[in-house]
Amino acid sequence: MIVTNNLKDFKDEYLCEYGLSAKSADDFIADIIDLNHETAVEAFRKLVLNRRNPDLDEYQVLDNLRKNALKNSADYLHALL
């Protein structure tokens, strides 16, 4: 698996020759969240608690994720909170 937001340069036809596939960071993270909801939410909450300079709450962190091309992942986490 190649995780990249530059999917246009990683054609499926070429990657298949090597047993690889490409996935966006957002899709990859959403898949990881899907594997274990409880662990994902716990990890997210730890990230928020350890966030400094500036201190942000859960929803502000989710907004930052959305602004950084992780909309699906942020929406998924938001639904689990």
Protein backbone atom coordinates (compact mmCIF):
# COMPACT_ATOMS: atom_id res chain seq x y z
CA MET A 1 0.00 0.00 0.00
CA ILE A 2 1.24 3.44 -0.93
CA VAL A 3 -0.40 6.23 1.06
CA THR A 4 -0.31 9.49 -0.85
CA ASN A 5 -2.52 12.41 -1.76
CA ASN A 6 -0.87 12.39 -5.18
CA LEU A 7 -2.97 9.54 -6.56
CA LYS A 8 -2.78 10.72 -10.17
CA ASP A 9 0.89 9.74 -10.36
CA PHE A 10 0.30 6.23 -9.03
CA LYS A 11 -1.72 4.43 -11.68
CA ASP A 12 -3.45 1.20 -10.65
CA GLU A 13 -2.30 -0.59 -13.81
CA TYR A 14 1.35 0.01 -12.95
CA LEU A 15 1.08 -0.65 -9.21
CA CYS A 16 -0.75 -3.96 -9.76
CA GLU A 17 2.35 -5.31 -11.48
CA TYR A 18 4.10 -5.08 -8.10
CA GLY A 19 1.19 -6.14 -5.93
CA LEU A 20 0.69 -2.60 -4.69
CA SER A 21 -2.18 -0.15 -4.54
CA ALA A 22 -2.42 3.53 -3.71
CA LYS A 23 -4.79 5.15 -1.27
CA SER A 24 -5.26 8.73 -0.12
CA ALA A 25 -4.25 9.58 3.43
CA ASP A 26 -7.87 10.37 4.24
CA ASP A 27 -9.12 6.98 3.02
CA PHE A 28 -6.27 5.18 4.79
CA ILE A 29 -6.98 6.86 8.13
CA ALA A 30 -10.73 6.26 7.78
CA ASP A 31 -9.97 2.57 7.19
CA ILE A 32 -7.81 2.48 10.33
CA ILE A 33 -10.60 4.12 12.34
CA ASP A 34 -13.00 1.49 11.00
CA LEU A 35 -10.80 -1.34 12.28
CA ASN A 36 -11.36 -0.41 15.92
CA HIS A 37 -13.64 2.49 16.79
CA GLU A 38 -12.88 2.50 20.50
CA THR A 39 -9.10 2.60 20.05
CA ALA A 40 -9.40 5.29 17.39
CA VAL A 41 -11.52 7.53 19.61
CA GLU A 42 -9.19 6.94 22.58
CA ALA A 43 -6.15 7.85 20.47
CA PHE A 44 -7.91 10.95 19.13
CA ARG A 45 -8.84 12.10 22.63
CA LYS A 46 -5.23 11.61 23.79
CA LEU A 47 -4.07 13.67 20.82
CA VAL A 48 -6.47 16.46 21.81
CA LEU A 49 -5.42 16.35 25.48
CA ASN A 50 -1.73 16.56 24.56
CA ARG A 51 -2.29 19.38 22.06
CA ARG A 52 -0.55 22.57 23.12
CA ASN A 53 0.08 25.98 21.67
CA PRO A 54 -2.68 26.60 21.01
CA ASP A 55 -4.96 24.48 23.15
CA LEU A 56 -7.79 23.21 20.98
CA ASP A 57 -10.91 21.25 21.85
CA GLU A 58 -12.02 18.13 19.99
CA TYR A 59 -14.14 20.04 17.49
CA GLN A 60 -11.41 22.52 16.68
CA VAL A 61 -8.99 19.65 16.03
CA LEU A 62 -11.58 18.01 13.79
CA ASP A 63 -11.95 21.29 11.89
CA ASN A 64 -8.18 21.41 11.43
CA LEU A 65 -8.21 17.86 10.08
CA ARG A 66 -10.92 18.84 7.60
CA LYS A 67 -8.89 21.86 6.48
CA ASN A 68 -5.93 19.54 5.88
CA ALA A 69 -7.65 17.17 3.43
CA LEU A 70 -8.83 14.67 6.06
CA LYS A 71 -12.55 15.41 5.77
CA ASN A 72 -13.79 11.81 5.73
CA SER A 73 -11.62 10.86 8.70
CA ALA A 74 -12.72 13.91 10.69
CA ASP A 75 -16.38 13.29 9.88
CA TYR A 76 -16.03 9.63 10.89
CA LEU A 77 -14.41 10.55 14.22
CA HIS A 78 -17.00 13.24 14.80
CA ALA A 79 -19.79 10.68 14.35
CA LEU A 80 -18.11 8.40 16.92
CA LEU A 81 -17.69 11.06 19.61
